[in-house]
Amino acid sequence: MIKFILGGVVGVLAIVFMMQNHEVVEISFLFWTLTTSRALILFVMLGIGLVLGASGTMLLSRKRRR
């Protein structure tokens, strides 16, 4: 039950965050240019960070088991 409540709170905070950061920004990297909302870019970067952190943790735990 606590996970459901915590998930709901995080969901509400994410919605508030997206409503406050809806401005369109332009991101340039090398020869690519992307125009999208600031909130979307921040959530994508958060997702990439979570995936990299989880994969690094899995690799370290796998090495420790051996």
Protein backbone atom coordinates (compact mmCIF):
# COMPACT_ATOMS: atom_id res chain seq x y z
CA MET A 1 0.00 0.00 0.00
CA ILE A 2 2.83 2.41 0.82
CA LYS A 3 4.34 1.90 -2.64
CA PHE A 4 1.03 2.87 -4.23
CA ILE A 5 0.82 6.07 -2.18
CA LEU A 6 4.46 6.92 -2.85
CA GLY A 7 3.94 6.33 -6.58
CA GLY A 8 0.91 8.63 -6.54
CA VAL A 9 2.87 11.39 -4.80
CA VAL A 10 5.73 11.07 -7.28
CA GLY A 11 3.23 11.14 -10.15
CA VAL A 12 1.61 14.32 -8.87
CA LEU A 13 5.02 15.95 -8.41
CA ALA A 14 5.97 14.96 -11.96
CA ILE A 15 2.79 16.54 -13.33
CA VAL A 16 3.43 19.76 -11.39
CA PHE A 17 7.02 19.79 -12.64
CA MET A 18 5.92 19.37 -16.25
CA MET A 19 3.34 22.15 -15.92
CA GLN A 20 5.97 24.54 -14.56
CA ASN A 21 8.61 23.69 -17.20
CA HIS A 22 6.62 23.56 -20.42
CA GLU A 23 8.71 26.16 -22.26
CA VAL A 24 10.07 25.10 -25.63
CA VAL A 25 13.86 25.13 -25.79
CA GLU A 26 16.35 24.41 -28.54
CA ILE A 27 19.16 21.93 -27.88
CA SER A 28 22.18 21.82 -30.20
CA PHE A 29 24.69 18.96 -30.14
CA LEU A 30 27.36 18.68 -32.84
CA PHE A 31 25.30 19.01 -36.03
CA TRP A 32 21.91 18.04 -34.56
CA THR A 33 19.34 20.56 -33.35
CA LEU A 34 16.30 19.51 -31.32
CA THR A 35 13.41 21.76 -30.31
CA THR A 36 11.21 20.36 -27.53
CA SER A 37 9.91 21.15 -24.05
CA ARG A 38 12.35 21.54 -21.20
CA ALA A 39 10.45 19.04 -19.03
CA LEU A 40 10.68 16.31 -21.68
CA ILE A 41 14.43 16.77 -22.03
CA LEU A 42 14.92 16.65 -18.26
CA PHE A 43 12.83 13.47 -17.95
CA VAL A 44 14.78 11.81 -20.79
CA MET A 45 18.07 12.74 -19.08
CA LEU A 46 16.72 11.37 -15.79
CA GLY A 47 15.76 8.12 -17.51
CA ILE A 48 19.19 7.78 -19.10
CA GLY A 49 20.81 8.40 -15.72
CA LEU A 50 18.62 5.79 -14.05
CA VAL A 51 19.43 3.19 -16.71
CA LEU A 52 23.16 3.88 -16.50
CA GLY A 53 23.11 3.80 -12.69
CA ALA A 54 21.14 0.56 -12.57
CA SER A 55 23.37 -1.13 -15.15
CA GLY A 56 26.49 -0.03 -13.27
CA THR A 57 25.08 -1.38 -10.03
CA MET A 58 24.19 -4.69 -11.70
CA LEU A 59 27.70 -5.02 -13.12
CA LEU A 60 29.31 -4.35 -9.74
CA SER A 61 27.06 -6.83 -7.96
CA ARG A 62 27.79 -9.45 -10.61
CA LYS A 63 31.55 -8.98 -10.12
CA ARG A 64 31.20 -9.29 -6.33
CA ARG A 65 29.33 -12.60 -6.63
CA ARG A 66 32.15 -14.20 -8.58
